[in-house]
Protein backbone atom coordinates (compact mmCIF):
# COMPACT_ATOMS: atom_id res chain seq x y z
CA MET A 1 99.41 22.13 -28.62
CA SER A 2 101.78 20.22 -30.57
CA MET A 3 104.99 19.19 -29.00
CA ILE A 4 106.33 19.26 -32.79
CA HIS A 5 107.93 22.32 -33.79
CA ALA A 6 106.30 23.60 -37.07
CA THR A 7 109.71 23.05 -39.01
CA ALA A 8 110.59 19.71 -37.89
CA ILE A 9 110.51 17.25 -40.85
CA ILE A 10 108.82 13.88 -39.47
CA ASP A 11 108.26 11.15 -41.73
CA ALA A 12 104.99 9.88 -41.82
CA THR A 13 105.95 6.14 -41.00
CA ALA A 14 107.63 7.16 -38.02
CA ASN A 15 106.18 5.83 -34.67
CA ILE A 16 106.43 8.69 -32.44
CA HIS A 17 104.35 8.80 -28.83
CA PRO A 18 102.39 11.79 -28.51
CA SER A 19 104.16 13.20 -25.44
CA VAL A 20 107.64 13.03 -27.66
CA SER A 21 108.92 16.68 -27.67
CA VAL A 22 110.71 17.83 -31.40
CA GLY A 23 112.69 21.05 -31.72
CA PRO A 24 113.26 23.26 -34.56
CA TYR A 25 114.61 21.90 -38.17
CA SER A 26 114.81 18.20 -36.70
CA ILE A 27 114.35 15.41 -39.15
CA ILE A 28 112.89 12.17 -38.29
CA GLY A 29 113.08 9.73 -40.89
CA PRO A 30 111.57 6.30 -41.46
CA HIS A 31 111.74 3.08 -39.26
CA VAL A 32 112.34 5.55 -36.10
CA THR A 33 110.50 4.60 -33.11
CA ILE A 34 110.53 7.02 -29.92
CA ALA A 35 108.83 6.35 -26.76
CA ALA A 36 107.26 8.65 -24.15
CA ASP A 37 108.52 11.69 -22.89
CA THR A 38 111.68 12.01 -24.96
CA VAL A 39 113.23 15.37 -25.67
CA ILE A 40 114.08 15.91 -29.52
CA GLY A 41 116.32 19.37 -29.33
CA PRO A 42 116.61 21.67 -32.59
CA HIS A 43 118.58 20.30 -35.60
CA VAL A 44 119.03 16.74 -34.94
CA VAL A 45 118.44 14.03 -37.45
CA VAL A 46 117.18 10.69 -36.76
CA THR A 47 117.20 8.29 -39.47
CA GLY A 48 117.37 4.45 -40.14
CA TRP A 49 116.06 1.44 -38.22
CA THR A 50 116.19 3.39 -34.87
CA ARG A 51 114.44 2.80 -31.56
CA ILE A 52 114.59 5.16 -28.66
CA GLY A 53 113.14 4.64 -25.36
CA ALA A 54 111.77 6.90 -22.84
CA ARG A 55 112.48 9.76 -21.41
CA ASN A 56 115.87 10.63 -23.25
CA ARG A 57 117.11 14.08 -24.03
CA ILE A 58 118.76 14.26 -27.33
CA PHE A 59 120.79 18.15 -28.05
CA GLN A 60 121.12 20.00 -31.17
CA PHE A 61 123.24 18.55 -33.84
CA ALA A 62 123.33 15.00 -32.62
CA SER A 63 123.07 12.41 -35.60
CA ILE A 64 121.29 9.22 -34.23
CA GLY A 65 121.09 6.18 -36.51
CA ALA A 66 123.04 6.95 -39.89
CA GLU A 67 124.37 3.96 -41.30
CA SER A 68 127.67 2.55 -40.62
CA GLN A 69 131.28 3.68 -41.81
CA ASP A 70 132.26 0.23 -42.43
CA LEU A 71 133.38 -0.02 -45.77
CA LYS A 72 131.62 -3.24 -46.15
CA TYR A 73 128.27 -2.03 -45.24
CA LYS A 74 126.10 -2.15 -48.20
CA GLY A 75 122.67 -0.54 -47.22
CA GLU A 76 121.33 -3.92 -45.26
CA GLU A 77 119.02 -3.53 -42.73
CA SER A 78 120.70 -2.91 -38.91
CA TRP A 79 119.62 -1.15 -36.19
CA LEU A 80 120.37 1.27 -33.31
CA ASP A 81 118.24 0.46 -30.08
CA ILE A 82 118.73 3.38 -27.22
CA GLY A 83 117.35 2.70 -23.76
CA ASP A 84 115.88 4.76 -21.18
CA ASP A 85 116.84 8.10 -19.31
CA ASN A 86 119.81 8.71 -21.64
CA VAL A 87 120.97 12.31 -22.10
CA ILE A 88 123.07 12.68 -25.56
CA ARG A 89 124.38 16.28 -25.89
CA GLU A 90 125.21 18.27 -28.77
CA ALA A 91 127.11 17.04 -31.97
CA CYS A 92 126.90 13.05 -30.95
CA SER A 93 127.07 10.95 -33.75
CA LEU A 94 125.48 7.33 -32.99
CA HIS A 95 125.80 4.53 -35.85
CA ARG A 96 123.87 1.35 -36.77
CA GLY A 97 125.13 -2.08 -36.73
CA THR A 98 126.36 -4.33 -39.73
CA VAL A 99 125.51 -7.89 -40.44
CA GLN A 100 129.07 -8.56 -39.64
CA ASP A 101 128.24 -8.64 -36.20
CA GLN A 102 124.49 -8.82 -34.64
CA GLY A 103 123.48 -6.06 -37.14
CA ILE A 104 122.77 -3.89 -34.02
CA THR A 105 124.39 -0.98 -32.07
CA ARG A 106 122.54 -0.84 -28.08
CA ILE A 107 122.94 2.13 -25.45
CA GLY A 108 121.21 1.05 -22.34
CA ASN A 109 119.58 2.94 -19.93
CA HIS A 110 120.79 6.25 -17.66
CA ASN A 111 123.93 7.03 -19.56
CA LEU A 112 125.65 10.43 -20.42
CA LEU A 113 127.18 10.74 -23.72
CA MET A 114 128.89 14.14 -23.57
CA VAL A 115 129.85 16.79 -26.44
CA ASN A 116 130.85 15.26 -30.02
CA THR A 117 130.78 11.54 -28.46
CA HIS A 118 130.72 9.18 -31.16
CA ILE A 119 129.58 5.40 -31.10
CA ALA A 120 130.23 3.24 -33.95
CA HIS A 121 128.92 0.41 -35.27
CA ASP A 122 127.86 -2.83 -33.52
CA CYS A 123 129.14 -1.33 -30.23
CA GLN A 124 127.20 -2.48 -26.93
CA ILE A 125 126.86 0.22 -24.24
CA GLY A 126 125.60 -0.97 -20.72
CA ASN A 127 123.86 1.29 -17.86
CA HIS A 128 125.08 4.33 -16.16
CA CYS A 129 127.69 4.91 -18.16
CA ILE A 130 129.49 8.63 -18.71
CA LEU A 131 131.55 9.13 -21.87
CA ALA A 132 133.18 12.64 -21.72
CA ASN A 133 133.37 15.07 -24.54
CA ASN A 134 135.00 13.78 -28.01
CA VAL A 135 135.17 10.71 -26.87
CA GLY A 136 135.73 7.76 -30.13
CA ILE A 137 134.43 4.44 -29.55
CA ALA A 138 135.74 1.96 -32.43
CA GLY A 139 133.29 -0.53 -34.17
CA HIS A 140 132.54 -3.87 -32.25
CA VAL A 141 133.66 -2.09 -28.69
CA VAL A 142 131.81 -3.77 -25.35
CA VAL A 143 131.16 -1.43 -22.66
CA GLU A 144 129.78 -2.67 -19.48
CA ASN A 145 127.88 -0.55 -16.89
CA ASN A 146 128.90 2.28 -14.90
CA VAL A 147 132.12 2.74 -16.96
CA ILE A 148 133.64 6.39 -16.98
CA ILE A 149 135.36 7.37 -20.38
CA GLY A 150 137.66 10.34 -20.25
CA GLY A 151 137.45 13.52 -22.86
CA ASN A 152 139.67 12.96 -25.86
CA SER A 153 139.90 9.08 -25.38
CA GLY A 154 139.98 6.48 -28.13
CA ILE A 155 139.07 3.15 -27.95
CA HIS A 156 140.19 0.62 -30.54
CA GLN A 157 137.26 -1.68 -32.15
CA PHE A 158 136.89 -5.11 -30.37
CA CYS A 159 137.85 -4.05 -27.05
CA ARG A 160 135.88 -4.51 -23.83
CA LEU A 161 135.77 -2.13 -21.08
CA GLY A 162 134.65 -4.37 -17.86
CA ALA A 163 132.30 -2.83 -15.44
CA TYR A 164 132.90 0.04 -12.90
CA SER A 165 136.37 0.85 -14.90
CA MET A 166 137.35 4.03 -15.70
CA ILE A 167 139.60 5.56 -18.49
CA GLY A 168 141.60 8.52 -17.95
CA GLY A 169 140.86 11.65 -20.26
CA GLY A 170 143.13 11.43 -23.55
CA SER A 171 143.53 7.73 -23.19
CA VAL A 172 144.32 5.30 -26.22
CA VAL A 173 142.88 1.86 -25.12
CA LEU A 174 144.19 -0.62 -27.33
CA LYS A 175 143.58 -3.89 -25.24
CA ASP A 176 140.46 -4.76 -22.84
CA VAL A 177 140.25 -3.18 -19.48
CA PRO A 178 138.95 -5.25 -16.51
CA ALA A 179 136.48 -4.63 -14.17
CA TYR A 180 137.32 -1.88 -11.54
CA ILE A 181 140.25 -1.04 -13.15
CA MET A 182 141.72 2.47 -13.89
CA VAL A 183 144.11 2.85 -17.25
CA ALA A 184 145.26 6.25 -18.68
CA GLY A 185 148.04 7.03 -21.47
CA ASN A 186 148.79 6.26 -24.86
CA PRO A 187 149.03 3.48 -25.20
CA ALA A 188 146.78 3.37 -21.83
CA ALA A 189 148.65 1.41 -18.85
CA ALA A 190 147.09 0.19 -15.36
CA HIS A 191 147.06 2.54 -12.86
CA GLY A 192 145.20 0.87 -9.92
CA MET A 193 141.18 0.61 -9.05
CA ASN A 194 138.73 2.70 -9.00
CA TYR A 195 138.85 2.82 -5.01
CA GLU A 196 137.00 6.59 -4.43
CA GLY A 197 134.37 5.86 -6.71
CA MET A 198 133.61 2.00 -4.75
CA ARG A 199 134.05 4.37 -1.36
CA ARG A 200 131.72 7.08 -2.97
CA ARG A 201 128.84 3.92 -3.69
CA GLY A 202 129.25 3.31 0.09
CA TRP A 203 131.31 0.03 -0.37
CA SER A 204 132.43 -1.44 2.61
CA SER A 205 136.26 -1.09 3.69
CA GLU A 206 136.37 -4.71 3.87
CA THR A 207 134.91 -4.63 -0.11
CA ILE A 208 137.44 -2.38 -0.80
CA GLN A 209 140.37 -4.03 0.74
CA THR A 210 139.57 -7.47 -1.04
CA LEU A 211 139.55 -5.78 -4.15
CA ARG A 212 143.02 -4.54 -3.70
CA GLU A 213 144.11 -7.53 -2.80
CA ALA A 214 142.23 -8.71 -6.23
CA TYR A 215 144.29 -6.04 -8.11
CA LYS A 216 147.66 -7.41 -7.01
CA VAL A 217 146.94 -10.95 -8.02
CA VAL A 218 146.37 -9.53 -11.61
CA TYR A 219 149.12 -7.12 -11.48
CA LYS A 220 151.60 -7.60 -9.17
CA SER A 221 151.52 -11.70 -9.09
CA HIS A 222 153.50 -12.13 -12.38
CA LEU A 223 150.89 -15.11 -12.82
CA THR A 224 149.29 -16.10 -16.33
CA ARG A 225 145.67 -14.44 -16.93
CA ALA A 226 144.35 -18.59 -16.33
CA GLN A 227 146.16 -18.88 -12.88
CA CYS A 228 144.68 -15.55 -12.18
CA ILE A 229 141.49 -16.44 -12.64
CA ALA A 230 142.08 -19.61 -10.46
CA LYS A 231 143.51 -17.78 -7.55
CA LEU A 232 140.94 -15.19 -7.68
CA GLU A 233 138.11 -18.00 -7.72
CA GLN A 234 139.80 -20.12 -4.95
CA ASP A 235 141.30 -17.06 -2.27
CA ILE A 236 139.18 -14.14 -2.92
CA LEU A 237 135.84 -14.66 -4.46
CA PRO A 238 134.38 -16.38 -1.01
CA GLN A 239 135.14 -13.08 0.73
CA ALA A 240 133.82 -10.61 -1.42
CA PRO A 241 131.34 -11.52 -4.56
CA GLU A 242 132.02 -8.32 -6.22
CA VAL A 243 135.19 -9.65 -7.37
CA ALA A 244 132.94 -11.77 -10.12
CA LEU A 245 132.82 -8.92 -12.14
CA LEU A 246 136.86 -8.83 -12.44
CA ILE A 247 136.95 -12.52 -12.73
CA ASP A 248 134.16 -12.36 -15.61
CA SER A 249 135.67 -9.40 -17.24
CA LEU A 250 139.11 -11.71 -17.46
CA GLN A 251 137.49 -14.66 -18.88
CA LYS A 252 135.77 -13.00 -21.79
CA SER A 253 138.82 -10.92 -22.75
CA SER A 254 139.94 -11.61 -26.53
CA ARG A 255 142.55 -9.07 -26.72
CA GLY A 256 144.25 -9.11 -23.58
CA ILE A 257 144.51 -6.94 -20.92
CA ILE A 258 145.83 -3.77 -19.95
CA ARG A 259 148.76 -3.94 -18.27
């Protein structure tokens, strides 16, 4: 029995694993590759140079792999690469990269993109992230692993969201968010670290307390970023290797961090 509905339109050049399911009225264009056990719902459009990994679920009315909205885009070959085990809910729009950057938009593994999430050109999304309803990610944004973005939030282009950071609902993020930091508001401001999330992951009380001290260094000491990095490396990193993610995000920040 065919896994492709009779009303679906599949380009002859698309490379689709036999176990892939494609729902009614969906369209799969040329240059598309879809790996094993992925489920494409009804009324989904997958186009452009797009690679989709295994065991993804893509719900109705999603637009996957459309060309960039960047006005500099002139039809060049560019890619969207989606990993494995992602859930992409209704009306999400995921755009390909541009030659002005690396030419590729990447989405990792085990992510949940809720209804109407938009991921623009050249974004790099890590693993185990949750993007709630109506989140908008502008071009060239980096979202590292285990990030949670609350509903109706907007992320400015070229921002970097560090691993395990959390963005409150309805926030406008204009600068970089260091690893572990919680931010909220318009414009977003820092409101501590995601300590509850750490406890739920089974992190020890000693590690959490050390990260509290790291937060104070960055946000309460009035040191420059370079001074914060030096103090974290010397005084706190030896006690908790987890602080390395915070140091790395401070070092990589190009827009300045949210305070």
